[in-house]
Amino acid sequence: MRKIIFSRAPVRICDIGGWTDTWFCPNGAVFNICVGLYSYVRIIPTNTSRINIVSENLNIHTEIKNFHNIEYDGNLDLLKAAIKRMNINEGLNIYVRTEAPPGCGTGTSASVAVALIAALAQLSNKELNPSEIAELAHKLEVEELKLESGVQDQYAAALGGINFMEITYPEVKMVPLEVENKKIFELENQMILVFLSSRSSSEMHRAVIVNYNKGDSSTLKLFDTIKSCAYEMKRAIQSDDLTYMGELMNKNWEAQKQLHHLMVNPTIKKAEQIATNNGAIGFKVNGAGGGGSVSIIAGIGKEYVLKQKLIENDFQILPVKLDFMGVQTWIA
């Protein structure tokens, strides 16, 4: 019986400095936190000449009939791109599932790509370190699929942890941040992750790029503000309480909202109002904005009531457990 290869990779939340990890923002900086909402991959070798790919939670299936002529048709193309770039030429059944909802704004697509590359590397006996996996995962989106994509998501999924990144696109200098257990417990207790709606980050990127290409000075100033929040967050994570972190989340979000009118919609406004009225000290829409999910830091003793108010208003609360392992593979 041929062995089955498994892999998983986390996603990131609370991406302070997001937007500055793109080609149109030179010398960016990002702070983010990885959580255990995993993307899982299972690879079963077969004796056929085809590769079957199944997204279990989306109930989508696609098939690669010719290893040497992989076509992108909008159906699980990111997974096809990984197979192409890894030069896979044997029959496989590949199963993928994600714990984060699609379009969640937490870097789920990057997490899937990282998990699949790691599993395919295990299959092919290729030694790739986490940074190499992250770099390749980013290339799948921008080179193979011609999408707009920052670089923070892939590196977060590959390395895990609480990270500060200095970015000269597409190069990334990773600085893993070590914190005491007390801080981890505080974050897991006080941070609330709320799913808002599915949205396309690539579409949001294109909207902001229009302003950038016009030479809009306010856009560049906003990037500077957002980047400065990442540097401050690097210091704030070591502080004695979460208040300063919350203030920086709010500052980042206020600047992010001004990048484009698409950043905010009635659902986001409703979530923000509930948070403000029920003891939140920090609020930031994850990822590009315009939907997806939001990271909230609740004040001490306010977390339960705030969660209940959000649930009463039909918002979905996702679990927050920090991940420090990054992408992992194993064989059964």
Protein backbone atom coordinates (compact mmCIF):
# COMPACT_ATOMS: atom_id res chain seq x y z
CA MET A 1 0.00 0.00 0.00
CA ARG A 2 1.41 3.38 -1.01
CA LYS A 3 1.82 5.92 1.76
CA ILE A 4 -0.45 8.95 2.11
CA ILE A 5 1.13 12.37 2.53
CA PHE A 6 -0.51 14.99 4.74
CA SER A 7 0.24 18.66 5.32
CA ARG A 8 -1.28 21.66 7.02
CA ALA A 9 -0.56 25.40 7.18
CA PRO A 10 -2.02 28.17 9.37
CA VAL A 11 -3.49 31.53 8.35
CA ARG A 12 -2.71 34.99 9.68
CA ILE A 13 -4.87 37.67 11.31
CA CYS A 14 -4.35 41.20 12.60
CA ASP A 15 -2.10 42.19 9.70
CA ILE A 16 -0.86 45.60 10.75
CA GLY A 17 0.99 47.22 7.85
CA GLY A 18 -0.90 45.20 5.26
CA TRP A 19 -0.94 46.84 1.82
CA THR A 20 2.73 47.75 2.20
CA ASP A 21 3.81 44.22 1.23
CA THR A 22 2.91 44.90 -2.42
CA TRP A 23 4.89 45.90 -5.53
CA PHE A 24 3.38 49.38 -5.47
CA CYS A 25 4.63 50.20 -1.98
CA PRO A 26 8.44 50.16 -1.80
CA ASN A 27 10.08 49.32 1.53
CA GLY A 28 7.05 48.05 3.39
CA ALA A 29 6.62 46.53 6.84
CA VAL A 30 4.00 44.15 8.26
CA PHE A 31 3.16 42.69 11.66
CA ASN A 32 0.83 39.70 11.83
CA ILE A 33 -0.27 36.82 14.05
CA CYS A 34 -0.71 33.22 12.87
CA VAL A 35 -3.65 31.22 14.14
CA GLY A 36 -4.65 27.58 13.94
CA LEU A 37 -7.31 27.79 11.27
CA TYR A 38 -5.56 25.33 9.04
CA SER A 39 -5.54 24.48 5.38
CA TYR A 40 -5.14 20.72 5.04
CA VAL A 41 -3.80 18.71 2.10
CA ARG A 42 -3.92 14.94 1.61
CA ILE A 43 -2.09 13.31 -1.31
CA ILE A 44 -2.70 9.72 -2.36
CA PRO A 45 -0.46 8.37 -5.17
CA THR A 46 -2.27 6.29 -7.81
CA ASN A 47 -1.30 4.09 -10.71
CA THR A 48 -3.13 6.27 -13.23
CA SER A 49 -1.83 8.98 -15.56
CA ARG A 50 -4.13 11.67 -14.19
CA ILE A 51 -4.21 14.03 -11.22
CA ASN A 52 -7.55 14.48 -9.52
CA ILE A 53 -7.94 17.52 -7.25
CA VAL A 54 -10.84 17.82 -4.84
CA SER A 55 -11.69 20.81 -2.66
CA GLU A 56 -13.66 19.02 0.02
CA ASN A 57 -15.30 21.98 1.75
CA LEU A 58 -16.10 23.80 -1.52
CA ASN A 59 -17.29 20.56 -3.18
CA ILE A 60 -15.27 21.36 -6.31
CA HIS A 61 -13.39 18.84 -8.42
CA THR A 62 -10.97 19.22 -11.30
CA GLU A 63 -8.74 16.85 -13.25
CA ILE A 64 -5.36 17.22 -14.91
CA LYS A 65 -5.20 14.82 -17.85
CA ASN A 66 -1.90 15.97 -19.31
CA PHE A 67 1.00 16.73 -16.95
CA HIS A 68 2.79 18.65 -19.72
CA ASN A 69 -0.12 20.88 -20.70
CA ILE A 70 -1.82 22.21 -17.59
CA GLU A 71 -4.52 24.74 -18.45
CA TYR A 72 -5.90 27.42 -16.14
CA ASP A 73 -9.66 27.73 -16.47
CA GLY A 74 -10.71 29.30 -13.18
CA ASN A 75 -11.25 25.93 -11.49
CA LEU A 76 -8.76 25.37 -8.62
CA ASP A 77 -6.07 27.09 -10.68
CA LEU A 78 -3.81 27.82 -7.70
CA LEU A 79 -3.50 24.10 -7.03
CA LYS A 80 -2.84 23.38 -10.69
CA ALA A 81 -0.10 26.03 -10.65
CA ALA A 82 1.61 24.31 -7.72
CA ILE A 83 1.60 20.99 -9.57
CA LYS A 84 3.04 22.65 -12.67
CA ARG A 85 5.80 24.51 -10.82
CA MET A 86 6.74 21.40 -8.81
CA ASN A 87 7.02 19.36 -12.05
CA ILE A 88 4.71 16.62 -10.87
CA ASN A 89 4.20 13.92 -13.52
CA GLU A 90 2.57 11.01 -11.73
CA GLY A 91 -0.99 10.01 -10.95
CA LEU A 92 -2.36 11.50 -7.73
CA ASN A 93 -5.56 12.10 -5.85
CA ILE A 94 -5.24 15.40 -3.99
CA TYR A 95 -7.75 16.48 -1.36
CA VAL A 96 -7.80 19.99 0.09
CA ARG A 97 -9.92 21.54 2.82
CA THR A 98 -9.78 24.76 4.78
CA GLU A 99 -11.02 25.70 8.24
CA ALA A 100 -11.13 29.42 7.42
CA PRO A 101 -14.07 30.39 5.20
CA PRO A 102 -13.16 31.22 1.58
CA GLY A 103 -12.53 34.93 1.00
CA CYS A 104 -11.97 35.40 4.72
CA GLY A 105 -9.15 37.92 4.31
CA THR A 106 -6.79 35.81 6.40
CA GLY A 107 -4.54 34.60 3.58
CA THR A 108 -6.36 31.30 3.09
CA SER A 109 -5.34 30.88 -0.55
CA ALA A 110 -1.69 31.40 0.39
CA SER A 111 -2.10 28.87 3.22
CA VAL A 112 -3.48 26.30 0.76
CA ALA A 113 -0.62 26.92 -1.67
CA VAL A 114 1.98 26.60 1.08
CA ALA A 115 0.46 23.37 2.37
CA LEU A 116 0.28 21.84 -1.11
CA ILE A 117 3.84 22.82 -2.04
CA ALA A 118 5.12 21.30 1.21
CA ALA A 119 3.22 18.07 0.56
CA LEU A 120 4.42 17.87 -3.05
CA ALA A 121 7.98 18.47 -1.88
CA GLN A 122 7.62 15.55 0.51
CA LEU A 123 6.23 13.43 -2.33
CA SER A 124 9.11 14.35 -4.64
CA ASN A 125 11.85 14.13 -1.99
CA LYS A 126 12.69 17.79 -2.53
CA GLU A 127 14.14 19.73 0.36
CA LEU A 128 12.50 23.14 0.59
CA ASN A 129 12.83 25.32 3.68
CA PRO A 130 9.83 27.42 4.81
CA SER A 131 11.10 30.59 3.13
CA GLU A 132 11.56 28.75 -0.17
CA ILE A 133 8.04 27.35 0.10
CA ALA A 134 6.68 30.85 0.78
CA GLU A 135 8.56 32.35 -2.16
CA LEU A 136 7.24 29.71 -4.55
CA ALA A 137 3.69 30.06 -3.22
CA HIS A 138 3.82 33.78 -3.98
CA LYS A 139 5.10 33.14 -7.50
CA LEU A 140 2.14 30.87 -8.18
CA GLU A 141 -0.19 33.83 -7.80
CA VAL A 142 1.76 36.61 -9.49
CA GLU A 143 3.70 34.72 -12.17
CA GLU A 144 1.52 31.75 -13.06
CA LEU A 145 -1.93 33.27 -12.50
CA LYS A 146 -1.11 36.99 -13.01
CA LEU A 147 -2.95 38.02 -9.84
CA GLU A 148 -2.23 40.93 -7.52
CA SER A 149 -0.77 39.54 -4.31
CA GLY A 150 1.25 40.80 -1.39
CA VAL A 151 3.93 38.61 0.16
CA GLN A 152 3.03 38.51 3.85
CA ASP A 153 0.46 35.70 3.67
CA GLN A 154 2.76 33.08 2.20
CA TYR A 155 5.56 33.73 4.69
CA ALA A 156 3.18 33.71 7.64
CA ALA A 157 1.65 30.39 6.56
CA ALA A 158 5.07 28.82 6.03
CA LEU A 159 6.72 29.98 9.25
CA GLY A 160 3.86 30.52 11.71
CA GLY A 161 4.20 32.57 14.89
CA ILE A 162 3.97 36.28 15.62
CA ASN A 163 6.00 38.01 12.95
CA PHE A 164 7.41 41.34 11.90
CA MET A 165 8.45 41.58 8.26
CA GLU A 166 10.49 44.22 6.49
CA ILE A 167 9.70 44.08 2.79
CA THR A 168 11.45 45.23 -0.33
CA TYR A 169 9.03 43.58 -2.70
CA PRO A 170 9.21 40.68 -3.30
CA GLU A 171 12.06 40.16 -0.81
CA VAL A 172 11.04 39.58 2.80
CA LYS A 173 13.16 39.88 5.94
CA MET A 174 11.41 37.89 8.65
CA VAL A 175 11.75 38.74 12.33
CA PRO A 176 9.92 36.17 14.50
CA LEU A 177 8.80 37.89 17.71
CA GLU A 178 9.16 35.98 20.95
CA VAL A 179 6.57 36.72 23.62
CA GLU A 180 5.89 35.34 27.08
CA ASN A 181 3.18 32.75 27.58
CA LYS A 182 1.17 35.39 29.43
CA LYS A 183 0.91 37.44 26.24
CA ILE A 184 -0.17 34.40 24.22
CA PHE A 185 -2.90 33.64 26.76
CA GLU A 186 -4.04 37.29 26.72
CA LEU A 187 -4.25 37.39 22.94
CA GLU A 188 -6.17 34.12 22.74
CA ASN A 189 -8.56 35.33 25.44
CA GLN A 190 -9.13 38.92 24.32
CA MET A 191 -8.85 38.69 20.54
CA ILE A 192 -12.03 38.01 18.60
CA LEU A 193 -12.01 36.92 14.96
CA VAL A 194 -15.25 37.68 13.15
CA PHE A 195 -16.19 36.45 9.68
CA LEU A 196 -17.98 39.15 7.69
CA SER A 197 -18.35 37.99 4.10
CA SER A 198 -16.37 36.49 1.24
CA ARG A 199 -14.51 38.94 -0.99
CA SER A 200 -11.75 39.10 -3.63
CA SER A 201 -8.46 40.64 -2.49
CA SER A 202 -7.15 40.88 -6.05
CA GLU A 203 -10.10 43.12 -6.98
CA MET A 204 -9.37 45.37 -4.00
CA HIS A 205 -5.71 45.59 -4.97
CA ARG A 206 -6.63 46.74 -8.47
CA ALA A 207 -8.88 49.48 -7.08
CA VAL A 208 -6.09 50.97 -4.97
CA ILE A 209 -3.53 50.59 -7.77
CA VAL A 210 -5.64 52.95 -9.89
CA ASN A 211 -5.07 55.70 -7.32
CA TYR A 212 -1.40 54.79 -7.00
CA ASN A 213 -0.85 55.01 -10.76
CA LYS A 214 -2.43 58.46 -10.76
CA GLY A 215 0.36 59.57 -8.43
CA ASP A 216 -2.12 60.30 -5.65
CA SER A 217 0.00 61.80 -2.85
CA SER A 218 -2.57 60.95 -0.19
CA THR A 219 -2.28 57.24 -1.04
CA LEU A 220 1.49 57.33 -0.47
CA LYS A 221 1.04 59.16 2.83
CA LEU A 222 -1.49 56.57 3.95
CA PHE A 223 0.99 53.80 3.12
CA ASP A 224 3.55 55.56 5.34
CA THR A 225 1.05 55.73 8.20
CA ILE A 226 0.12 52.07 7.82
CA LYS A 227 3.77 51.01 7.67
CA SER A 228 4.58 53.01 10.81
CA CYS A 229 1.84 51.12 12.63
CA ALA A 230 3.67 47.85 11.90
CA TYR A 231 6.89 49.17 13.43
CA GLU A 232 4.99 50.38 16.49
CA MET A 233 3.17 47.05 16.80
CA LYS A 234 6.52 45.30 16.97
CA ARG A 235 7.15 47.26 20.17
CA ALA A 236 3.56 47.11 21.44
CA ILE A 237 3.49 43.30 21.50
CA GLN A 238 6.06 43.45 24.30
CA SER A 239 4.02 45.93 26.39
CA ASP A 240 2.31 45.01 29.65
CA ASP A 241 -1.24 45.38 28.38
CA LEU A 242 -3.14 45.22 25.11
CA THR A 243 -4.34 48.83 25.06
CA TYR A 244 -1.49 50.10 22.90
CA MET A 245 -1.99 47.24 20.45
CA GLY A 246 -5.64 48.14 20.20
CA GLU A 247 -4.83 51.79 19.53
CA LEU A 248 -2.50 50.80 16.69
CA MET A 249 -5.13 48.51 15.17
CA ASN A 250 -7.56 51.43 15.17
CA LYS A 251 -4.99 53.78 13.67
CA ASN A 252 -4.13 51.29 10.93
CA TRP A 253 -7.80 50.72 10.12
CA GLU A 254 -8.57 54.45 9.94
CA ALA A 255 -5.74 54.90 7.41
CA GLN A 256 -6.75 51.77 5.49
CA LYS A 257 -10.33 53.02 5.15
CA GLN A 258 -9.07 56.13 3.38
CA LEU A 259 -7.27 54.15 0.66
CA HIS A 260 -10.51 53.53 -1.24
CA HIS A 261 -14.26 53.81 -0.65
CA LEU A 262 -14.58 50.07 -1.28
CA MET A 263 -12.81 49.39 2.04
CA VAL A 264 -16.03 49.87 4.00
CA ASN A 265 -19.53 48.54 3.54
CA PRO A 266 -22.66 48.38 5.75
CA THR A 267 -21.68 44.99 7.22
CA ILE A 268 -18.28 46.32 8.31
CA LYS A 269 -19.85 49.47 9.74
CA LYS A 270 -22.31 47.37 11.73
CA ALA A 271 -19.57 45.16 13.17
CA GLU A 272 -17.47 48.20 14.05
CA GLN A 273 -20.39 49.89 15.79
CA ILE A 274 -21.15 46.78 17.84
CA ALA A 275 -17.48 46.50 18.80
CA THR A 276 -17.25 50.16 19.80
CA ASN A 277 -20.41 49.99 21.89
CA ASN A 278 -19.42 46.82 23.73
CA GLY A 279 -15.89 47.30 25.03
CA ALA A 280 -13.58 46.76 22.06
CA ILE A 281 -10.20 48.51 22.31
CA GLY A 282 -8.97 47.54 18.84
CA PHE A 283 -10.62 46.91 15.46
CA LYS A 284 -9.07 46.07 12.10
CA VAL A 285 -10.47 44.42 8.99
CA ASN A 286 -8.07 41.66 7.97
CA GLY A 287 -6.30 41.65 4.64
CA ALA A 288 -7.19 44.02 1.84
CA GLY A 289 -10.49 45.16 3.33
CA GLY A 290 -13.97 45.44 1.88
CA GLY A 291 -15.17 42.29 3.63
CA GLY A 292 -13.59 39.05 4.70
CA SER A 293 -13.06 39.13 8.44
CA VAL A 294 -12.11 41.46 11.26
CA SER A 295 -9.73 41.17 14.21
CA ILE A 296 -11.03 42.75 17.40
CA ILE A 297 -9.31 43.13 20.76
CA ALA A 298 -11.84 43.25 23.58
CA GLY A 299 -11.19 45.04 26.85
CA ILE A 300 -10.58 42.87 29.91
CA GLY A 301 -13.89 41.38 31.01
CA LYS A 302 -15.67 42.59 27.88
CA GLU A 303 -14.90 39.64 25.62
CA TYR A 304 -17.91 37.47 26.46
CA VAL A 305 -20.57 40.17 26.11
CA LEU A 306 -18.96 41.44 22.89
CA LYS A 307 -18.98 37.97 21.38
CA GLN A 308 -22.62 37.47 22.34
CA LYS A 309 -23.64 40.80 20.80
CA LEU A 310 -21.91 39.87 17.55
CA ILE A 311 -23.57 36.45 17.49
CA GLU A 312 -26.97 38.02 18.20
CA ASN A 313 -26.43 40.14 15.09
CA ASP A 314 -25.70 37.05 12.96
CA PHE A 315 -21.92 37.39 12.82
CA GLN A 316 -19.83 34.21 12.86
CA ILE A 317 -17.09 33.98 15.49
CA LEU A 318 -13.99 31.99 14.50
CA PRO A 319 -11.59 30.46 17.06
CA VAL A 320 -8.31 32.19 17.89
CA LYS A 321 -5.51 29.83 18.93
CA LEU A 322 -2.01 30.98 18.04
CA ASP A 323 0.16 28.78 15.83
CA PHE A 324 3.95 28.82 16.16
CA MET A 325 4.77 25.81 13.97
CA GLY A 326 3.96 27.00 10.47
CA VAL A 327 3.58 24.48 7.68
CA GLN A 328 3.91 20.82 8.69
CA THR A 329 3.96 17.56 6.74
CA TRP A 330 3.61 13.95 7.80
CA ILE A 331 3.16 10.50 6.25
CA ALA A 332 0.71 7.75 7.16
